[in-house]
């Protein structure tokens, strides 16, 4: 098997791990030393979104830097848990490597390759076998609780079949029209709480439509927000 891995990768990773160890050690950086997994949570989310923004801008140089910032959070967490004698960075890397091999038997174990749906079902089946204690949970309970709402709505739509567009997209448009009408009726009656509930239904319907189009509603809205922001900035700076 040929590899495009740079010969510099192991040394670069070792250097980063050594720097983090020094920062956390006595005589290092007080701020780094006092961080905990809980205190790092907002930085992890922020850095992940900055990676996404760099991808949207197609800014390769910035993407490289943002990926480094995100990698720092992984190294940071691994170092904290190594100090607690839970696991180290090598365990993190080994675990994901093992998982990729295990979940791709059609690549690494000589099993036949099927279509995309078969491979997705195979992935899910292997995933369930890895943690049988979670098999008693309803599949919907396995969705991460901290997912952005629109993204979670899209995943819920897929798992509940609400993204089924075999009969076309008319059903989605009709449901969205009903939801929007219900919002209007609630506002006419000055019932803002009910309007809020119907607005939630409208957003879920639109997330389902996005899922039916194999799109992510969260991504669609994020890109549109950036367009609005850029347009507004151009208008006020003329």
Foldseek 3Di string as FASTA:
>chain_A
DDDPDDPCVVVVVVVLLVLLVQQLDVVHPPVLVPDDPVNCVVQLVVLVVQLVVCVVVVPVVSNVVSVVSNVNSVSSHQVVVVVVVNHHPVVVVVVVVVLVLQLPCVVNVVDPDDDPVVSVVSSVVSVCVVCVVCVVPDPLVPPDPPPPPLQNLLVVLVVVVVLDQPVHCVVLVVQLVVLVVQLVVCVVVVNVVSNVVSVVVNSSSVSSPCSNVVHRPVVVVVVVVVVVVVVVVVVVVD
